[in-house]
Amino acid sequence: MCGRFAVTTDPAKLAAEIDAVNEVPASPPTADDQPSDDREPRTLGTNYNVAPTSTILTVVERHSHDDPHDDPRLRVRAMRWGLVPTWAKEVGKGPLLFNARAETAAEKSSFRSSVKSKRCLVPMDGWYEWKPGPENSKGKPTKIPFFMSPEDGTRLFMAGLWSAWHDRSNPDAPPLLSCTILTTDAVGDLREVHDRMPRIMPYDSWDAWLDPDHPAPSELFAPPSEAIADAIAIREVSPLVNRVANNGPELLAPV
């Protein structure tokens, strides 16, 4: 699974890097259904401890609203992390759909329509995962956090699905854009940390993955090549990341 990640870019910088249209408003709203444990809402930009329900950056490829027959363009958008299906009656009810299994997403009612035409990328510096650790002084098992990121310091782009949910009780309200990150079986050394991993999408697959007019090739729902996994560095990090309120570069420091 992928339940936490880190990102250190802002919408304008990301849009310039990938030659995309920046569609993120100057002060994007965060999701109304923030976690119930008094966590601070997270805004866009540098965030070392991104958790589900945060507002995150995504990359889509869409036609212009004014000219649906033009060539689609890359667009940077803000979305809620945790997909809200179009048929949902309200936000915040039911499971947090922040991950979708790539093998079965096309079969699930929550993701089926998104698989067809609403695929996206989720940029990040790297993601966290936990391994079982020794028992603590109270005899309870602990979990050891690890951070996975490219050895060369480049940015990762993970395959995702997105949705536009409309509040039927308020027809004038703008749609809520939300997304989920696809996961596959882990490959290479990443299997030593967890049996699942987010589906890394290399640049040469972006066109096929993001194409709004055609289905994505089936191989893009399969685990990435081991060569891609071999370029990921794995390091143990501080258990500070276990608490969402902790948010700073010290979370990425190797233990």
Protein backbone atom coordinates (compact mmCIF):
# COMPACT_ATOMS: atom_id res chain seq x y z
CA MET A 1 0.00 0.00 0.00
CA CYS A 2 0.95 3.66 -0.12
CA GLY A 3 -0.47 5.57 2.83
CA ARG A 4 2.11 8.32 3.32
CA PHE A 5 4.50 10.17 1.07
CA ALA A 6 6.65 13.30 0.85
CA VAL A 7 6.62 16.03 -1.77
CA THR A 8 8.69 19.21 -2.04
CA THR A 9 7.36 21.20 -4.98
CA ASP A 10 4.67 23.76 -5.64
CA PRO A 11 2.11 23.86 -8.48
CA ALA A 12 3.82 26.56 -10.53
CA LYS A 13 7.23 24.92 -10.35
CA LEU A 14 5.81 21.52 -11.25
CA ALA A 15 3.85 22.94 -14.19
CA ALA A 16 6.98 24.66 -15.54
CA GLU A 17 9.05 21.48 -15.20
CA ILE A 18 6.67 19.33 -17.24
CA ASP A 19 5.29 22.04 -19.59
CA ALA A 20 1.78 21.83 -18.15
CA VAL A 21 -1.04 24.28 -17.52
CA ASN A 22 -1.23 25.19 -13.84
CA GLU A 23 -4.91 24.95 -12.86
CA VAL A 24 -4.34 25.11 -9.11
CA PRO A 25 -5.96 28.20 -7.56
CA ALA A 26 -3.76 30.51 -5.53
CA SER A 27 -5.26 29.28 -2.27
CA PRO A 28 -6.79 25.86 -2.98
CA PRO A 29 -9.32 24.61 -0.43
CA THR A 30 -8.52 21.54 1.62
CA ALA A 31 -11.04 18.74 2.06
CA ASP A 32 -13.85 19.51 4.50
CA ASP A 33 -13.69 16.02 5.96
CA GLN A 34 -10.35 16.35 7.72
CA PRO A 35 -9.29 13.47 9.99
CA SER A 36 -11.09 13.38 13.31
CA ASP A 37 -7.96 13.40 15.51
CA ASP A 38 -7.40 17.18 15.34
CA ARG A 39 -4.71 17.00 12.69
CA GLU A 40 -3.86 20.25 10.98
CA PRO A 41 -5.14 20.48 7.38
CA ARG A 42 -2.28 20.24 4.90
CA THR A 43 -1.93 22.76 2.11
CA LEU A 44 -0.11 22.34 -1.17
CA GLY A 45 3.61 22.72 -1.47
CA THR A 46 6.32 21.17 0.67
CA ASN A 47 4.85 18.41 2.83
CA TYR A 48 7.02 15.71 4.36
CA ASN A 49 4.13 13.68 5.76
CA VAL A 50 1.26 13.61 3.29
CA ALA A 51 -1.68 11.57 4.60
CA PRO A 52 -5.03 10.57 3.10
CA THR A 53 -7.66 13.34 2.84
CA SER A 54 -4.88 15.91 2.25
CA THR A 55 -5.17 18.11 -0.83
CA ILE A 56 -2.36 17.05 -3.16
CA LEU A 57 -0.96 17.86 -6.59
CA THR A 58 -1.86 15.70 -9.56
CA VAL A 59 -1.14 15.71 -13.29
CA VAL A 60 -3.87 14.99 -15.84
CA GLU A 61 -4.18 15.33 -19.59
CA ARG A 62 -7.44 16.91 -20.71
CA HIS A 63 -9.01 18.83 -23.55
CA SER A 64 -9.90 22.49 -23.11
CA HIS A 65 -13.38 23.22 -21.74
CA ASP A 66 -13.75 25.90 -24.41
CA ASP A 67 -12.60 23.70 -27.28
CA PRO A 68 -13.13 19.97 -26.64
CA HIS A 69 -11.75 19.18 -30.09
CA ASP A 70 -8.31 20.63 -29.44
CA ASP A 71 -5.30 18.53 -28.54
CA PRO A 72 -5.29 17.52 -24.87
CA ARG A 73 -2.69 19.17 -22.64
CA LEU A 74 -0.99 18.30 -19.40
CA ARG A 75 -2.62 20.11 -16.51
CA VAL A 76 -1.63 20.35 -12.84
CA ARG A 77 -4.65 20.12 -10.55
CA ALA A 78 -5.33 20.00 -6.82
CA MET A 79 -7.26 16.96 -5.62
CA ARG A 80 -8.32 15.30 -2.42
CA TRP A 81 -6.26 12.17 -1.74
CA GLY A 82 -8.97 9.57 -1.25
CA LEU A 83 -11.21 9.01 -4.26
CA VAL A 84 -14.89 9.87 -3.89
CA PRO A 85 -16.91 7.85 -6.43
CA THR A 86 -19.31 9.84 -8.57
CA TRP A 87 -22.22 7.84 -7.16
CA ALA A 88 -21.38 8.56 -3.50
CA LYS A 89 -24.16 10.40 -1.66
CA GLU A 90 -21.76 12.39 0.51
CA VAL A 91 -18.07 12.85 1.25
CA GLY A 92 -16.48 11.19 4.23
CA LYS A 93 -18.70 8.13 4.41
CA GLY A 94 -17.35 4.69 3.63
CA PRO A 95 -13.73 3.59 3.26
CA LEU A 96 -10.91 5.99 2.43
CA LEU A 97 -10.11 5.01 -1.14
CA PHE A 98 -6.54 6.32 -1.16
CA ASN A 99 -5.17 3.16 -2.85
CA ALA A 100 -6.55 0.94 -5.61
CA ARG A 101 -5.16 -2.43 -6.60
CA ALA A 102 -4.07 -2.16 -10.22
CA GLU A 103 -5.01 -5.78 -10.89
CA THR A 104 -8.68 -5.32 -9.99
CA ALA A 105 -9.42 -1.58 -10.31
CA ALA A 106 -11.28 -2.03 -13.61
CA GLU A 107 -13.65 -4.47 -11.91
CA LYS A 108 -14.55 -2.27 -8.95
CA SER A 109 -17.54 0.06 -9.11
CA SER A 110 -15.59 2.79 -7.31
CA PHE A 111 -12.85 2.87 -9.94
CA ARG A 112 -14.28 1.38 -13.14
CA SER A 113 -15.18 4.64 -14.89
CA SER A 114 -11.92 6.30 -13.83
CA VAL A 115 -9.88 3.45 -15.32
CA LYS A 116 -11.52 4.18 -18.68
CA SER A 117 -10.87 7.90 -19.00
CA LYS A 118 -9.73 9.57 -15.77
CA ARG A 119 -6.17 8.46 -15.12
CA CYS A 120 -3.65 10.75 -13.47
CA LEU A 121 -0.16 10.98 -12.04
CA VAL A 122 0.70 11.80 -8.43
CA PRO A 123 4.11 13.51 -8.08
CA MET A 124 6.18 12.80 -4.99
CA ASP A 125 9.76 12.74 -3.74
CA GLY A 126 9.26 9.30 -2.21
CA TRP A 127 6.93 7.21 -0.08
CA TYR A 128 6.96 5.63 3.36
CA GLU A 129 6.36 2.02 4.30
CA TRP A 130 6.63 0.07 7.54
CA LYS A 131 8.15 -3.29 8.47
CA PRO A 132 7.36 -5.24 11.63
CA GLY A 133 9.88 -4.53 14.36
CA PRO A 134 10.71 -5.99 17.78
CA GLU A 135 8.31 -5.87 20.69
CA ASN A 136 8.41 -2.80 22.89
CA SER A 137 8.68 -2.73 26.68
CA LYS A 138 4.96 -3.48 26.94
CA GLY A 139 5.26 -6.58 24.79
CA LYS A 140 3.54 -5.02 21.79
CA PRO A 141 5.02 -5.28 18.27
CA THR A 142 6.54 -2.13 16.81
CA LYS A 143 6.73 -0.93 13.22
CA ILE A 144 9.91 0.39 11.62
CA PRO A 145 9.39 3.13 9.00
CA PHE A 146 11.34 3.22 5.73
CA PHE A 147 11.50 5.86 3.01
CA MET A 148 11.81 4.91 -0.67
CA SER A 149 13.03 7.52 -3.14
CA PRO A 150 15.08 7.71 -6.38
CA GLU A 151 18.81 7.37 -5.83
CA ASP A 152 19.45 10.27 -8.23
CA GLY A 153 17.13 12.65 -6.37
CA THR A 154 14.64 13.01 -9.20
CA ARG A 155 10.88 13.18 -8.70
CA LEU A 156 8.60 10.16 -8.88
CA PHE A 157 5.25 10.12 -10.65
CA MET A 158 2.82 7.43 -9.50
CA ALA A 159 -0.11 6.09 -11.50
CA GLY A 160 -3.44 7.20 -10.15
CA LEU A 161 -7.14 7.46 -10.91
CA TRP A 162 -9.34 10.48 -10.33
CA SER A 163 -12.98 11.44 -10.11
CA ALA A 164 -15.17 14.55 -10.16
CA TRP A 165 -17.89 14.32 -7.50
CA HIS A 166 -20.93 16.61 -7.60
CA ASP A 167 -22.91 17.51 -4.49
CA ARG A 168 -26.50 16.78 -5.45
CA SER A 169 -27.76 18.88 -2.54
CA ASN A 170 -25.94 21.94 -3.90
CA PRO A 171 -25.98 21.96 -7.73
CA ASP A 172 -24.13 25.29 -7.85
CA ALA A 173 -21.12 23.99 -5.93
CA PRO A 174 -17.97 23.20 -7.95
CA PRO A 175 -17.11 19.51 -8.30
CA LEU A 176 -14.82 17.90 -5.77
CA LEU A 177 -11.80 16.43 -7.53
CA SER A 178 -10.33 13.42 -5.76
CA CYS A 179 -7.85 10.67 -6.56
CA THR A 180 -6.37 7.35 -5.55
CA ILE A 181 -2.90 5.86 -6.09
CA LEU A 182 -2.59 2.52 -7.86
CA THR A 183 -0.55 -0.22 -6.22
CA THR A 184 0.98 -3.41 -7.62
CA ASP A 185 3.03 -6.31 -6.33
CA ALA A 186 6.40 -5.03 -5.17
CA VAL A 187 9.45 -5.90 -7.28
CA GLY A 188 13.17 -6.19 -6.61
CA ASP A 189 14.52 -5.18 -3.22
CA LEU A 190 11.29 -3.30 -2.48
CA ARG A 191 9.74 -6.66 -1.61
CA GLU A 192 11.91 -6.75 1.49
CA VAL A 193 9.99 -3.78 2.88
CA HIS A 194 6.42 -4.57 1.78
CA ASP A 195 4.67 -6.88 -0.66
CA ARG A 196 2.90 -3.94 -2.35
CA MET A 197 4.19 -0.71 -3.88
CA PRO A 198 2.75 2.31 -5.71
CA ARG A 199 2.88 1.88 -9.48
CA ILE A 200 5.77 4.07 -10.64
CA MET A 201 5.03 5.52 -14.09
CA PRO A 202 8.14 6.30 -16.17
CA TYR A 203 8.08 9.33 -18.44
CA ASP A 204 7.95 7.30 -21.66
CA SER A 205 4.59 5.85 -20.54
CA TRP A 206 2.91 9.14 -19.67
CA ASP A 207 1.21 9.67 -23.03
CA ALA A 208 -0.40 6.23 -23.02
CA TRP A 209 -1.38 6.43 -19.35
CA LEU A 210 -2.88 9.93 -19.39
CA ASP A 211 -4.59 9.79 -22.82
CA PRO A 212 -8.20 10.83 -22.10
CA ASP A 213 -9.53 9.44 -25.37
CA HIS A 214 -8.17 5.88 -25.30
CA PRO A 215 -7.83 3.10 -22.74
CA ALA A 216 -4.42 2.56 -21.18
CA PRO A 217 -2.43 -0.52 -22.28
CA SER A 218 -2.83 -3.45 -19.93
CA GLU A 219 0.90 -3.59 -19.26
CA LEU A 220 0.70 -0.26 -17.46
CA PHE A 221 -1.42 -1.94 -14.78
CA ALA A 222 1.29 -4.55 -14.22
CA PRO A 223 4.21 -4.13 -11.79
CA PRO A 224 7.04 -1.92 -13.11
CA SER A 225 10.28 -3.42 -14.35
CA GLU A 226 12.91 -4.41 -11.81
CA ALA A 227 15.22 -1.88 -13.44
CA ILE A 228 12.89 0.88 -12.23
CA ALA A 229 12.83 -0.60 -8.74
CA ASP A 230 16.62 -0.94 -8.71
CA ALA A 231 16.88 2.85 -9.05
CA ILE A 232 14.98 3.32 -5.76
CA ALA A 233 17.01 3.81 -2.58
CA ILE A 234 15.59 2.34 0.63
CA ARG A 235 16.49 3.78 4.02
CA GLU A 236 15.20 3.44 7.54
CA VAL A 237 13.90 6.72 8.94
CA SER A 238 12.74 8.10 12.25
CA PRO A 239 9.49 6.87 13.86
CA LEU A 240 8.55 10.55 14.03
CA VAL A 241 6.77 9.93 10.73
CA ASN A 242 4.28 7.71 12.56
CA ARG A 243 2.52 10.85 13.83
CA VAL A 244 0.90 12.91 11.08
CA ALA A 245 1.36 16.13 13.04
CA ASN A 246 5.14 15.77 12.62
CA ASN A 247 6.13 17.44 9.37
CA GLY A 248 9.68 18.47 8.55
CA PRO A 249 12.84 17.40 6.70
CA GLU A 250 14.01 15.48 9.75
CA LEU A 251 11.46 12.80 8.79
CA LEU A 252 13.64 11.88 5.80
CA ALA A 253 16.93 11.65 7.71
CA PRO A 254 18.37 8.12 7.70
CA VAL A 255 18.52 6.30 11.03
